Amino acid sequence: MNTLSSWQFFESVSARTRAHRCPEEVTFELTYGCNLRCVHCYNPTHRALPHELSAVEVLRILDQLANFGVLAVTFTGGEPCIRPDVGEILRYARLRGFIIYLLTNATRVTRSFAALLKEVGVDQVNVSIYGATEATYEQMTGVPGSYRKFRQGLAHLIAEALPVTVRMPVTTINHHELDASKLLITQMGQKFQYCLDIFPMVTGNLTPLQYRLAPESKVKIGNGLPTGASRLQPELSCSPKGRFIECACGQNRFAITPYECACGQNRFAITPYGEMNLCTAFPIPRYNLRTGTVREGWEVLKRTVDEAHPNYRYECPTCDVRPYCRQGRSDAWLEAGDMSTCLPHYREWANLEHRTHALLNPRRPA
C-alpha cells in the first residue's frame, strides 16, 4: 500500500479546496499569554485575559472546523503551552482528524509534554530561537533563565524524534548570531530557518519596528545566505512570495481583488477571543464565533475580500521593482492603516534587491 506524508496528503487535497473556495487551514491563537516578553513581538498583551476562549469553546470551534472540511490547524499564541488544557485541545484536534502544527518557544516544553506531542502525532513543531548565546537570547526575550529553558525544551522535543523546525526572527539585537544559531541547530540535526521581517503589533503599535534591520543589512544577509539555512516569509506576512506559514486566508491569494497577497482564499485565523479574521496580521473583520458559526464567518470573510478595493495610493502594477518587493497588504495596513500604501522600507529593500540581482546576473533584464 502506498502511503503519503501529512504534507503530501494536504497538498493533494488543497487544489480541490482552492477550486471551490473552501478553507483548508486555520491558524488558531489559543492564548495571548506568554512567559516571555520578546522586544520584537506583535503580541498585543502577553497576558491570558479572562475573556479568552474556554476549552469547551475551543473544542466546539474545532468541531465546526472539522465539519466544514478544514484539513489543518496551526496552534499558536502567545505561547500555547501557557494553557493548562493545551494537551486536551491537541488530543481532541487529532481525534477530529486534523493535521496539527504547533508554534512554541519551547521554554515550557517538559519531557512529559514532548511525549504527549509524540502520542498525539503532531505533524510539525516550529520552535523559535532568538540567539545562539544566553546573553543575546535573553536580551531579546527579557526573561532571565529563558535560554536554559529553551535548550532543555528543544532537547526534549529532539529526544522524542518529533518533526522540529527551528526559526529565528533576525533583529538589530541578534543578527550577528545568525550563523552561530544556524550552526547550533544544524549540529543537533534539526532544520533551521530565519526571517528578516519584523512587524508592528496587531494593534498598530509600531514599537517592534525599532528592532527591524535596515534594508541594506537585509540584502547583505540574504546574499550571504548561510549554508543549511532557508530564508522564508514570516508567519505574519501577507506577501505574495515565500512561506513561513503562507497566508492564504479567506480566498486565494487575492485572485479576485487587485492585491497579490495570499489573504482571502483558503486560510483564516481565530484569535484567543473567538474572533475569526483574515489572518493574524489582518485582524479584520473580527467575526464573533461565540455568537456565530465558522460557516457564516467564512461568508463574511469572503465578502471582506470581494469588497476590498485599492485607492489612489496603490502603485504596485506600475512599480519597476515589484518582482523584488516583499511588502504585503497586511504590512501596509498595520504600519500605515491603509492597505494601498507603499511603505518606504519595503520600497528601499526592493530597490536594493533589484540592483543586487542586476549585478549578480548581468544578462538578466533589469
Protein backbone atom coordinates (compact mmCIF):
# COMPACT_ATOMS: atom_id res chain seq x y z
CA MET A 1 0.00 0.00 0.00
CA ASN A 2 1.31 3.43 -0.93
CA THR A 3 1.48 5.89 1.95
CA LEU A 4 1.53 9.69 1.92
CA SER A 5 3.02 12.07 4.43
CA SER A 6 0.63 14.56 6.01
CA TRP A 7 2.15 17.26 3.82
CA GLN A 8 1.67 15.24 0.62
CA PHE A 9 -1.91 14.50 1.60
CA PHE A 10 -2.52 18.16 2.40
CA GLU A 11 -1.16 19.26 -0.97
CA SER A 12 -3.18 16.66 -2.84
CA VAL A 13 -6.42 17.92 -1.32
CA SER A 14 -5.55 21.64 -1.36
CA ALA A 15 -6.05 22.08 -5.10
CA ARG A 16 -9.63 20.86 -4.81
CA THR A 17 -10.45 23.09 -1.84
CA ARG A 18 -8.98 26.14 -3.59
CA ALA A 19 -11.01 25.41 -6.70
CA HIS A 20 -14.18 25.52 -4.62
CA ARG A 21 -13.03 28.47 -2.50
CA CYS A 22 -13.14 26.47 0.71
CA PRO A 23 -10.86 26.89 3.72
CA GLU A 24 -8.17 24.27 4.16
CA GLU A 25 -6.04 25.58 7.03
CA VAL A 26 -6.62 27.67 10.15
CA THR A 27 -4.21 29.48 12.44
CA PHE A 28 -5.69 29.21 15.92
CA GLU A 29 -4.22 31.54 18.54
CA LEU A 30 -5.05 29.69 21.74
CA THR A 31 -3.90 32.48 24.05
CA TYR A 32 -2.10 35.81 24.10
CA GLY A 33 -0.49 34.73 27.36
CA CYS A 34 3.27 34.26 27.13
CA ASN A 35 6.06 33.64 29.61
CA LEU A 36 8.49 35.71 27.53
CA ARG A 37 8.49 39.43 26.73
CA CYS A 38 10.24 39.50 23.37
CA VAL A 39 11.07 43.03 22.28
CA HIS A 40 10.08 42.44 18.66
CA CYS A 41 6.78 40.64 19.31
CA TYR A 42 3.45 41.59 17.70
CA ASN A 43 1.53 40.19 20.70
CA PRO A 44 -0.82 42.92 21.96
CA THR A 45 -0.81 41.96 25.66
CA HIS A 46 1.35 38.91 26.62
CA ARG A 47 -1.34 38.14 29.21
CA ALA A 48 -4.02 35.47 29.24
CA LEU A 49 -7.11 37.58 29.90
CA PRO A 50 -10.32 36.19 31.44
CA HIS A 51 -12.34 36.54 28.24
CA GLU A 52 -10.15 34.14 26.24
CA LEU A 53 -11.93 31.07 24.90
CA SER A 54 -12.53 28.25 27.35
CA ALA A 55 -11.57 24.67 26.49
CA VAL A 56 -15.24 23.87 25.83
CA GLU A 57 -15.47 26.78 23.37
CA VAL A 58 -12.23 25.78 21.64
CA LEU A 59 -13.44 22.19 21.18
CA ARG A 60 -16.77 23.42 19.85
CA ILE A 61 -14.96 25.53 17.25
CA LEU A 62 -12.76 22.56 16.31
CA ASP A 63 -15.93 20.55 15.71
CA GLN A 64 -17.20 23.25 13.35
CA LEU A 65 -13.85 23.42 11.53
CA ALA A 66 -13.82 19.65 11.02
CA ASN A 67 -17.42 19.60 9.82
CA PHE A 68 -16.61 22.45 7.43
CA GLY A 69 -13.80 20.43 5.84
CA VAL A 70 -10.75 22.23 7.26
CA LEU A 71 -7.69 19.98 6.94
CA ALA A 72 -5.01 21.53 9.14
CA VAL A 73 -4.82 23.63 12.28
CA THR A 74 -1.78 25.60 13.41
CA PHE A 75 -1.93 26.21 17.16
CA THR A 76 -0.03 29.27 18.28
CA GLY A 77 -0.18 32.14 20.77
CA GLY A 78 1.25 33.89 22.68
CA GLU A 79 2.71 30.68 23.95
CA PRO A 80 0.16 27.87 23.58
CA CYS A 81 1.85 25.84 26.33
CA ILE A 82 0.70 28.51 28.80
CA ARG A 83 -2.75 26.93 28.66
CA PRO A 84 -3.11 24.08 31.19
CA ASP A 85 -5.64 22.44 28.84
CA VAL A 86 -3.41 22.50 25.74
CA GLY A 87 -2.99 18.70 25.89
CA GLU A 88 -6.74 18.19 25.91
CA ILE A 89 -7.07 20.51 22.92
CA LEU A 90 -4.32 18.77 20.94
CA ARG A 91 -5.75 15.31 21.63
CA TYR A 92 -9.20 16.44 20.50
CA ALA A 93 -7.78 18.01 17.34
CA ARG A 94 -6.17 14.70 16.46
CA LEU A 95 -9.41 12.85 17.27
CA ARG A 96 -11.16 15.11 14.75
CA GLY A 97 -8.57 14.17 12.14
CA PHE A 98 -6.70 17.46 11.71
CA ILE A 99 -3.15 17.81 10.51
CA ILE A 100 -1.62 19.57 13.52
CA TYR A 101 1.13 22.20 13.59
CA LEU A 102 2.37 23.77 16.82
CA LEU A 103 4.29 27.02 17.24
CA THR A 104 6.14 27.32 20.53
CA ASN A 105 9.17 28.96 22.16
CA ALA A 106 9.90 25.55 23.80
CA THR A 107 10.72 27.10 27.17
CA ARG A 108 7.74 25.34 28.77
CA VAL A 109 8.19 22.03 26.98
CA THR A 110 8.80 19.31 29.58
CA ARG A 111 9.70 15.68 28.98
CA SER A 112 6.09 14.68 29.58
CA PHE A 113 4.72 17.34 27.23
CA ALA A 114 7.10 16.25 24.47
CA ALA A 115 5.86 12.69 25.00
CA LEU A 116 2.28 13.94 24.69
CA LEU A 117 3.12 15.59 21.35
CA LYS A 118 4.56 12.29 20.19
CA GLU A 119 1.46 10.43 21.37
CA VAL A 120 -0.84 12.90 19.61
CA GLY A 121 1.23 12.69 16.44
CA VAL A 122 1.79 16.42 15.91
CA ASP A 123 2.86 16.83 12.30
CA GLN A 124 5.23 19.77 12.79
CA VAL A 125 6.65 21.62 15.79
CA ASN A 126 8.03 25.06 14.92
CA VAL A 127 10.32 26.41 17.63
CA SER A 128 11.52 29.99 17.91
CA ILE A 129 15.17 30.79 18.61
CA TYR A 130 16.28 34.32 19.49
CA GLY A 131 20.05 33.92 19.64
CA ALA A 132 22.88 31.42 19.96
CA THR A 133 24.11 32.69 23.32
CA GLU A 134 22.37 33.25 26.63
CA ALA A 135 23.15 36.97 26.62
CA THR A 136 21.66 37.67 23.20
CA TYR A 137 18.71 35.31 23.61
CA GLU A 138 17.68 36.89 26.90
CA GLN A 139 18.23 40.41 25.60
CA MET A 140 15.55 39.50 23.08
CA THR A 141 13.17 37.75 25.48
CA GLY A 142 13.64 40.00 28.52
CA VAL A 143 13.45 36.97 30.83
CA PRO A 144 16.49 35.66 32.77
CA GLY A 145 16.85 31.90 32.56
CA SER A 146 14.81 31.60 29.37
CA TYR A 147 17.76 30.46 27.25
CA ARG A 148 18.43 27.47 29.50
CA LYS A 149 14.74 26.52 29.44
CA PHE A 150 14.69 26.86 25.63
CA ARG A 151 17.64 24.48 25.31
CA GLN A 152 16.01 21.99 27.69
CA GLY A 153 12.66 22.13 25.90
CA LEU A 154 14.26 21.71 22.48
CA ALA A 155 16.25 18.73 23.80
CA HIS A 156 13.02 17.09 24.99
CA LEU A 157 11.44 17.55 21.54
CA ILE A 158 14.50 16.09 19.80
CA ALA A 159 14.59 13.15 22.21
CA GLU A 160 11.09 12.21 21.10
CA ALA A 161 12.18 12.40 17.44
CA LEU A 162 9.44 14.92 16.71
CA PRO A 163 9.48 16.80 13.37
CA VAL A 164 11.06 20.07 14.51
CA THR A 165 11.96 23.22 12.60
CA VAL A 166 13.76 25.99 14.46
CA ARG A 167 13.08 29.54 13.25
CA MET A 168 14.93 32.72 14.00
CA PRO A 169 13.49 36.23 13.69
CA VAL A 170 16.52 38.35 12.79
CA THR A 171 16.71 41.74 14.50
CA THR A 172 19.16 44.52 15.29
CA ILE A 173 19.90 42.67 18.54
CA ASN A 174 20.67 39.16 17.30
CA HIS A 175 21.69 39.47 13.62
CA HIS A 176 25.37 38.92 14.48
CA GLU A 177 24.46 35.44 15.78
CA LEU A 178 22.62 34.21 12.70
CA ASP A 179 25.44 31.94 11.55
CA ALA A 180 26.08 30.70 15.10
CA SER A 181 22.38 29.95 15.59
CA LYS A 182 22.25 28.03 12.34
CA LEU A 183 25.31 26.04 13.35
CA LEU A 184 23.88 25.31 16.80
CA ILE A 185 20.64 23.92 15.37
CA THR A 186 22.03 22.02 12.38
CA GLN A 187 24.58 20.31 14.63
CA MET A 188 21.59 18.97 16.54
CA GLY A 189 20.30 17.53 13.28
CA GLN A 190 17.35 19.93 13.06
CA LYS A 191 16.07 22.19 10.30
CA PHE A 192 16.85 25.90 10.61
CA GLN A 193 15.06 28.85 9.04
CA TYR A 194 15.32 32.57 9.54
CA CYS A 195 13.13 35.56 8.87
CA LEU A 196 14.15 39.16 8.17
CA ASP A 197 10.80 40.84 8.77
CA ILE A 198 9.61 42.46 11.97
CA PHE A 199 6.05 43.76 12.23
CA PRO A 200 4.05 46.23 14.28
CA MET A 201 1.83 44.86 16.99
CA VAL A 202 -1.59 43.78 15.74
CA THR A 203 -2.96 46.88 17.50
CA GLY A 204 -0.91 49.07 15.15
CA ASN A 205 1.69 49.92 17.81
CA LEU A 206 4.96 50.49 15.91
CA THR A 207 7.35 49.83 18.81
CA PRO A 208 8.66 46.48 17.45
CA LEU A 209 9.88 48.20 14.28
CA GLN A 210 12.77 49.81 16.15
CA TYR A 211 14.37 46.34 16.11
CA ARG A 212 13.91 45.86 12.35
CA LEU A 213 17.09 45.67 10.30
CA ALA A 214 17.74 48.36 7.71
CA PRO A 215 17.14 47.28 4.09
CA GLU A 216 20.86 47.25 3.26
CA SER A 217 21.52 44.87 6.15
CA LYS A 218 18.75 42.56 4.97
CA VAL A 219 20.22 42.43 1.49
CA LYS A 220 23.70 41.66 2.84
CA ILE A 221 22.31 38.81 4.93
CA GLY A 222 20.27 37.48 2.02
CA ASN A 223 23.30 37.49 -0.28
CA GLY A 224 25.38 35.72 2.35
CA LEU A 225 22.76 33.04 2.98
CA PRO A 226 24.22 30.58 5.48
CA THR A 227 24.61 27.05 4.19
CA GLY A 228 21.83 24.88 5.57
CA ALA A 229 19.52 27.79 6.33
CA SER A 230 16.48 28.90 4.40
CA ARG A 231 15.03 32.37 4.32
CA LEU A 232 11.27 32.33 4.31
CA GLN A 233 8.49 34.81 4.71
CA PRO A 234 7.35 35.16 8.31
CA GLU A 235 4.12 33.93 9.80
CA LEU A 236 2.53 37.34 9.80
CA SER A 237 3.36 38.44 6.30
CA CYS A 238 0.76 38.59 3.56
CA SER A 239 3.38 38.98 0.89
CA PRO A 240 2.86 37.14 -2.40
CA LYS A 241 6.20 35.35 -2.04
CA GLY A 242 7.56 32.87 0.46
CA ARG A 243 6.10 30.73 3.19
CA PHE A 244 6.86 30.69 6.89
CA ILE A 245 3.21 29.98 7.22
CA GLU A 246 1.91 31.07 3.89
CA CYS A 247 -1.17 33.16 4.48
CA ALA A 248 -4.00 32.38 2.08
CA CYS A 249 -6.76 33.35 4.43
CA GLY A 250 -10.28 33.68 3.19
CA GLN A 251 -9.86 33.36 -0.57
CA ASN A 252 -6.94 32.56 -2.85
CA ARG A 253 -4.03 34.94 -2.98
CA PHE A 254 -6.41 37.83 -3.61
CA ALA A 255 -7.16 36.38 -7.01
CA ILE A 256 -10.41 38.31 -7.23
CA THR A 257 -9.02 41.60 -5.95
CA PRO A 258 -6.27 43.91 -7.19
CA TYR A 259 -3.98 42.61 -4.44
CA GLU A 260 -1.43 39.82 -4.83
CA CYS A 261 -1.19 38.83 -1.17
CA ALA A 262 -2.37 35.42 -0.10
CA CYS A 263 -5.06 36.67 2.27
CA GLY A 264 -8.53 35.86 1.16
CA GLN A 265 -8.73 32.38 -0.21
CA ASN A 266 -8.27 29.14 1.70
CA ARG A 267 -6.99 30.06 5.15
CA PHE A 268 -8.05 32.22 8.03
CA ALA A 269 -7.22 32.88 11.68
CA ILE A 270 -9.00 32.71 15.02
CA THR A 271 -7.96 34.86 17.97
CA PRO A 272 -7.97 33.76 21.63
CA TYR A 273 -11.20 35.75 21.99
CA GLY A 274 -13.03 33.77 19.31
CA GLU A 275 -12.69 36.37 16.56
CA MET A 276 -12.46 34.99 13.02
CA ASN A 277 -10.14 37.10 10.86
CA LEU A 278 -8.34 37.02 7.52
CA CYS A 279 -5.09 36.18 9.30
CA THR A 280 -3.12 37.01 12.44
CA ALA A 281 -1.75 40.15 10.79
CA PHE A 282 -5.11 41.16 9.35
CA PRO A 283 -7.39 41.34 12.41
CA ILE A 284 -10.49 42.01 10.35
CA PRO A 285 -13.45 41.51 10.16
CA ARG A 286 -13.45 40.20 13.78
CA TYR A 287 -16.38 37.90 13.20
CA ASN A 288 -17.57 36.63 16.59
CA LEU A 289 -17.58 32.83 16.77
CA ARG A 290 -19.19 32.95 20.20
CA THR A 291 -22.40 34.18 18.65
CA GLY A 292 -21.99 32.87 15.11
CA THR A 293 -20.62 29.88 13.23
CA VAL A 294 -17.49 29.13 11.22
CA ARG A 295 -19.59 28.62 8.10
CA GLU A 296 -21.26 32.03 8.49
CA GLY A 297 -17.93 33.65 9.34
CA TRP A 298 -16.38 32.27 6.18
CA GLU A 299 -19.01 34.02 4.10
CA VAL A 300 -18.22 37.27 5.93
CA LEU A 301 -14.50 36.82 5.22
CA LYS A 302 -15.16 36.18 1.55
CA ARG A 303 -17.26 39.34 1.32
CA THR A 304 -14.50 41.28 3.08
CA VAL A 305 -12.07 40.21 0.37
CA ASP A 306 -14.51 40.68 -2.51
CA GLU A 307 -15.31 44.22 -1.46
CA ALA A 308 -11.69 45.31 -0.92
CA HIS A 309 -10.53 47.85 -3.49
CA PRO A 310 -7.27 49.82 -3.74
CA ASN A 311 -7.24 53.59 -3.60
CA TYR A 312 -5.13 56.16 -5.43
CA ARG A 313 -2.05 55.22 -3.37
CA TYR A 314 -1.84 51.75 -4.92
CA GLU A 315 1.27 51.77 -7.14
CA CYS A 316 2.14 48.08 -7.40
CA PRO A 317 1.01 47.41 -11.01
CA THR A 318 3.36 50.10 -12.39
CA CYS A 319 6.26 49.67 -9.95
CA ASP A 320 9.61 48.78 -11.56
CA VAL A 321 10.79 46.75 -8.58
CA ARG A 322 7.57 44.89 -7.97
CA PRO A 323 9.12 41.42 -8.57
CA TYR A 324 11.54 42.06 -5.69
CA CYS A 325 9.10 43.54 -3.22
CA ARG A 326 8.17 41.63 -0.06
CA GLN A 327 5.55 44.04 1.21
CA GLY A 328 2.11 42.59 1.72
CA ARG A 329 -1.24 44.25 2.24
CA SER A 330 -1.14 43.49 5.96
CA ASP A 331 2.22 45.25 6.27
CA ALA A 332 0.69 48.44 4.91
CA TRP A 333 -2.47 48.03 6.96
CA LEU A 334 -0.64 47.55 10.25
CA GLU A 335 2.00 50.21 9.68
CA ALA A 336 0.03 52.89 7.87
CA GLY A 337 -3.62 51.97 8.33
CA ASP A 338 -4.06 51.78 4.54
CA MET A 339 -3.64 48.58 2.51
CA SER A 340 -2.80 50.55 -0.64
CA THR A 341 0.17 52.45 0.80
CA CYS A 342 3.69 51.74 -0.44
CA LEU A 343 5.95 51.61 2.61
CA PRO A 344 9.37 53.29 2.17
CA HIS A 345 11.17 50.46 3.99
CA TYR A 346 9.95 47.84 1.53
CA ARG A 347 10.50 50.07 -1.49
CA GLU A 348 14.12 50.65 -0.48
CA TRP A 349 14.58 46.94 0.21
CA ALA A 350 13.15 46.04 -3.20
CA ASN A 351 15.35 48.63 -4.95
CA LEU A 352 18.45 47.20 -3.31
CA GLU A 353 17.43 43.65 -4.19
CA HIS A 354 16.84 44.76 -7.76
CA ARG A 355 20.26 46.35 -8.06
CA THR A 356 21.94 43.36 -6.44
CA HIS A 357 20.29 40.92 -8.83
CA ALA A 358 21.33 43.09 -11.78
CA LEU A 359 24.96 42.96 -10.62
CA LEU A 360 24.91 39.23 -9.95
CA ASN A 361 23.02 38.43 -13.16
CA PRO A 362 24.18 40.95 -15.78
CA ARG A 363 22.36 39.10 -18.59
CA ARG A 364 19.08 39.32 -16.77
CA PRO A 365 16.99 42.36 -17.82
CA ALA A 366 16.95 44.97 -15.06
